Amino acid sequence: MTDIEKPVALVTGASRGIGAATAKALAAAGYHLLLTGRTEGGLEATETAIHDAGGSATIAPFDITDGDAVDRLAQAIGGRWARLDALVLNAAMLGDLMPVSHMEPKDFEKLFKTNVTANYRLIRAFDPLLRASKDAHVVAITSGVAATPRAYWGAYAASKAALANLVETYGLEVAAISKIRTHIYNPGGTATAMRAKAFPGEDPATLKTAETAAAEIVGLITA
């Protein structure tokens, strides 16, 4: 089966962690993967792992906060595949954990630009291609702090709550007029670089692996 004939999935933040593991798992499930992220070397490593396992993937290194680049990518994918079957909104930044009143406006705005606005731009750009799919899925990666406030996590938690609401609202809007289904996925405590930054003294062996989280995401998409 060629990459044109396979279902097509786009995973953001696919250079490491849950994003990379999800990309590999989707490729193993028969998808052609479009890998995005800012770290070209990491994307190439994910692409190589997919190819070595017999799958297919294409890398698109860029910053998802560049809205014009998002639009150009959507046009390129539309020109080749004319559809998108899965969109995994995984890329995010944690930011500094501090009291809300101490956070610099520029840092707050940067976090929301990455965790919320960039995902809005992705949904906006890829909506026509998702609608063209016979079975499309959008998965947004959230966090437990989106629903349960925790001191010093205000900006990150608020951004994840906003993302979940945004994607759920989009799902309601397209449910009756397309084959698009939306999912909000909270992996819980998972051994990733972001988790290690937030909890530097934590033993990663006590946490869920990125591969386990990826299997759960693929289960949502392929169910």
Protein backbone atom coordinates (compact mmCIF):
# COMPACT_ATOMS: atom_id res chain seq x y z
CA MET A 1 0.00 0.00 0.00
CA THR A 2 1.41 3.42 -0.98
CA ASP A 3 1.37 6.46 1.27
CA ILE A 4 -1.45 7.88 -0.87
CA GLU A 5 -3.64 4.84 -0.19
CA LYS A 6 -2.97 4.74 3.55
CA PRO A 7 -4.97 6.81 6.05
CA VAL A 8 -3.02 9.97 6.86
CA ALA A 9 -2.24 11.26 10.35
CA LEU A 10 -0.56 14.48 11.49
CA VAL A 11 1.10 14.49 14.92
CA THR A 12 2.48 17.69 16.41
CA GLY A 13 5.46 17.57 18.74
CA ALA A 14 6.51 14.27 17.14
CA SER A 15 10.23 14.58 17.88
CA ARG A 16 10.07 12.98 21.34
CA GLY A 17 7.88 11.72 24.17
CA ILE A 18 4.20 11.00 23.66
CA GLY A 19 4.23 12.59 20.21
CA ALA A 20 7.02 10.37 18.88
CA ALA A 21 5.54 7.26 20.48
CA THR A 22 2.09 8.04 19.05
CA ALA A 23 3.51 8.58 15.58
CA LYS A 24 5.29 5.21 15.69
CA ALA A 25 2.16 3.46 16.98
CA LEU A 26 -0.06 5.01 14.29
CA ALA A 27 2.45 4.02 11.62
CA ALA A 28 2.36 0.45 12.94
CA ALA A 29 -1.44 0.62 12.67
CA GLY A 30 -1.16 1.39 8.95
CA TYR A 31 -1.18 5.20 8.82
CA HIS A 32 1.15 7.41 6.82
CA LEU A 33 2.55 9.88 9.33
CA LEU A 34 3.15 13.59 8.92
CA LEU A 35 5.60 14.53 11.66
CA THR A 36 5.82 18.13 12.86
CA GLY A 37 7.98 19.80 15.48
CA ARG A 38 10.74 22.34 15.90
CA THR A 39 13.60 19.85 16.38
CA GLU A 40 14.53 18.49 12.97
CA GLY A 41 16.95 15.92 14.38
CA GLY A 42 14.27 14.49 16.64
CA LEU A 43 11.77 14.31 13.79
CA GLU A 44 14.33 12.53 11.62
CA ALA A 45 14.89 9.99 14.42
CA THR A 46 11.14 9.33 14.63
CA GLU A 47 10.91 9.05 10.85
CA THR A 48 13.83 6.61 10.74
CA ALA A 49 12.27 4.43 13.44
CA ILE A 50 9.01 4.33 11.49
CA HIS A 51 10.74 3.43 8.23
CA ASP A 52 12.89 0.78 9.94
CA ALA A 53 9.69 -0.82 11.25
CA GLY A 54 8.19 -0.93 7.76
CA GLY A 55 6.01 2.17 8.01
CA SER A 56 5.96 5.44 6.11
CA ALA A 57 6.34 9.02 7.29
CA THR A 58 7.11 12.54 6.13
CA ILE A 59 8.69 15.22 8.30
CA ALA A 60 7.66 18.87 8.34
CA PRO A 61 9.92 20.76 10.78
CA PHE A 62 8.46 24.13 11.75
CA ASP A 63 7.15 26.14 14.69
CA ILE A 64 3.40 25.57 15.09
CA THR A 65 2.99 29.13 16.40
CA ASP A 66 3.73 30.31 12.83
CA GLY A 67 0.16 30.50 11.54
CA ASP A 68 1.20 31.15 7.95
CA ALA A 69 3.38 28.02 8.01
CA VAL A 70 0.41 26.01 9.31
CA ASP A 71 -1.69 27.25 6.39
CA ARG A 72 1.06 26.39 3.90
CA LEU A 73 1.37 22.88 5.33
CA ALA A 74 -2.37 22.36 5.03
CA GLN A 75 -2.23 23.44 1.39
CA ALA A 76 0.65 21.05 0.69
CA ILE A 77 -1.10 18.12 2.35
CA GLY A 78 -4.31 18.95 0.54
CA GLY A 79 -2.47 18.97 -2.76
CA ARG A 80 -1.00 15.51 -2.21
CA TRP A 81 -3.57 13.62 -0.11
CA ALA A 82 -6.72 15.79 -0.35
CA ARG A 83 -7.72 14.68 3.16
CA LEU A 84 -6.51 14.22 6.73
CA ASP A 85 -7.72 11.22 8.72
CA ALA A 86 -6.20 11.98 12.14
CA LEU A 87 -4.89 15.12 13.80
CA VAL A 88 -3.10 14.67 17.13
CA LEU A 89 -2.64 17.99 18.95
CA ASN A 90 0.24 17.01 21.19
CA ALA A 91 2.81 19.85 21.05
CA ALA A 92 2.76 22.07 24.13
CA MET A 93 4.95 24.03 26.51
CA LEU A 94 4.86 23.89 30.31
CA GLY A 95 6.21 27.35 31.05
CA ASP A 96 7.51 28.36 34.46
CA LEU A 97 5.55 27.18 37.48
CA MET A 98 4.90 30.28 39.60
CA PRO A 99 2.11 32.36 41.14
CA VAL A 100 -0.23 33.81 38.53
CA SER A 101 0.49 37.34 39.78
CA HIS A 102 4.25 36.87 39.21
CA MET A 103 4.13 35.71 35.61
CA GLU A 104 5.39 38.12 32.97
CA PRO A 105 2.72 39.02 30.36
CA LYS A 106 5.02 38.02 27.51
CA ASP A 107 5.54 34.56 29.01
CA PHE A 108 1.81 34.08 29.61
CA GLU A 109 1.04 35.12 26.04
CA LYS A 110 3.74 32.83 24.62
CA LEU A 111 2.32 29.85 26.50
CA PHE A 112 -1.22 30.51 25.26
CA LYS A 113 0.07 31.09 21.74
CA THR A 114 1.65 27.62 21.77
CA ASN A 115 -0.95 25.66 23.72
CA VAL A 116 -4.16 27.28 22.45
CA THR A 117 -3.81 29.66 19.51
CA ALA A 118 -1.55 27.34 17.49
CA ASN A 119 -4.06 24.51 17.90
CA TYR A 120 -6.90 26.79 16.80
CA ARG A 121 -4.87 27.59 13.68
CA LEU A 122 -4.29 23.88 13.03
CA ILE A 123 -8.00 23.09 13.36
CA ARG A 124 -8.92 26.04 11.15
CA ALA A 125 -6.40 25.10 8.46
CA PHE A 126 -7.12 21.37 8.42
CA ASP A 127 -10.90 21.47 8.85
CA PRO A 128 -11.58 21.06 5.09
CA LEU A 129 -9.21 18.07 4.90
CA LEU A 130 -10.71 16.47 8.01
CA ARG A 131 -14.18 16.89 6.51
CA ALA A 132 -12.95 15.17 3.34
CA SER A 133 -12.07 12.05 5.35
CA LYS A 134 -14.47 9.13 5.69
CA ASP A 135 -13.37 8.62 9.31
CA ALA A 136 -11.52 11.56 10.85
CA HIS A 137 -10.33 11.99 14.41
CA VAL A 138 -8.93 14.96 16.32
CA VAL A 139 -7.17 14.16 19.60
CA ALA A 140 -6.13 16.92 22.00
CA ILE A 141 -3.68 16.05 24.76
CA THR A 142 -4.74 17.65 28.03
CA SER A 143 -3.74 17.40 31.71
CA GLY A 144 -5.40 16.71 35.03
CA VAL A 145 -4.69 20.29 36.14
CA ALA A 146 -7.08 21.53 33.45
CA ALA A 147 -9.97 20.33 35.61
CA THR A 148 -8.37 20.42 39.07
CA PRO A 149 -6.54 23.69 39.83
CA ARG A 150 -3.10 23.41 41.43
CA ALA A 151 -1.11 26.26 42.91
CA TYR A 152 1.61 27.65 40.62
CA TRP A 153 0.24 25.81 37.57
CA GLY A 154 -2.27 28.52 36.62
CA ALA A 155 -1.10 29.46 33.12
CA TYR A 156 -0.48 25.91 31.92
CA ALA A 157 -3.71 24.64 33.50
CA ALA A 158 -5.76 27.46 32.00
CA SER A 159 -4.28 26.82 28.56
CA LYS A 160 -5.11 23.12 28.73
CA ALA A 161 -8.65 23.86 29.92
CA ALA A 162 -9.06 26.29 27.03
CA LEU A 163 -7.75 23.72 24.55
CA ALA A 164 -10.15 21.05 25.80
CA ASN A 165 -13.12 23.42 25.55
CA LEU A 166 -12.04 24.57 22.09
CA VAL A 167 -11.75 21.03 20.71
CA GLU A 168 -14.96 19.81 22.37
CA THR A 169 -16.83 22.80 20.93
CA TYR A 170 -15.41 22.07 17.48
CA GLY A 171 -16.58 18.48 17.86
CA LEU A 172 -20.12 19.58 18.61
CA GLU A 173 -20.10 21.90 15.60
CA VAL A 174 -19.05 19.23 13.10
CA ALA A 175 -20.69 16.13 14.58
CA ALA A 176 -23.86 16.29 12.50
CA ILE A 177 -22.26 17.43 9.25
CA SER A 178 -19.08 15.36 8.98
CA LYS A 179 -17.38 12.13 10.00
CA ILE A 180 -15.07 14.01 12.38
CA ARG A 181 -14.87 12.81 15.97
CA THR A 182 -12.99 14.67 18.67
CA HIS A 183 -11.27 13.27 21.76
CA ILE A 184 -9.75 14.91 24.84
CA TYR A 185 -7.05 12.65 26.21
CA ASN A 186 -5.39 13.02 29.61
CA PRO A 187 -2.43 10.64 29.86
CA GLY A 188 -1.96 11.18 33.59
CA GLY A 189 1.51 10.88 35.06
CA THR A 190 3.76 9.88 32.15
CA ALA A 191 7.54 9.68 31.91
CA THR A 192 8.29 12.59 29.56
CA ALA A 193 10.77 15.47 29.50
CA MET A 194 7.98 17.90 30.44
CA ARG A 195 7.02 15.78 33.44
CA ALA A 196 10.66 15.60 34.54
CA LYS A 197 10.88 19.40 34.40
CA ALA A 198 7.78 19.77 36.56
CA PHE A 199 8.73 17.04 39.06
CA PRO A 200 12.55 16.79 39.00
CA GLY A 201 12.77 14.44 41.98
CA GLU A 202 10.25 11.92 40.68
CA ASP A 203 11.25 8.39 39.76
CA PRO A 204 10.21 7.90 36.10
CA ALA A 205 9.98 4.16 36.68
CA THR A 206 6.83 4.80 38.73
CA LEU A 207 5.08 6.50 35.81
CA LYS A 208 3.23 5.42 32.70
CA THR A 209 5.46 5.14 29.64
CA ALA A 210 5.00 7.27 26.53
CA GLU A 211 4.38 4.03 24.62
CA THR A 212 1.45 3.14 26.90
CA ALA A 213 -0.05 6.60 26.40
CA ALA A 214 0.45 6.24 22.64
CA ALA A 215 -1.38 2.91 22.61
CA GLU A 216 -4.32 4.57 24.36
CA ILE A 217 -4.38 7.41 21.83
CA VAL A 218 -4.29 4.99 18.91
CA GLY A 219 -7.13 3.09 20.57
CA LEU A 220 -9.27 6.24 20.49
CA ILE A 221 -8.53 6.77 16.82
CA THR A 222 -8.98 3.19 15.63
CA ALA A 223 -11.90 2.12 17.83
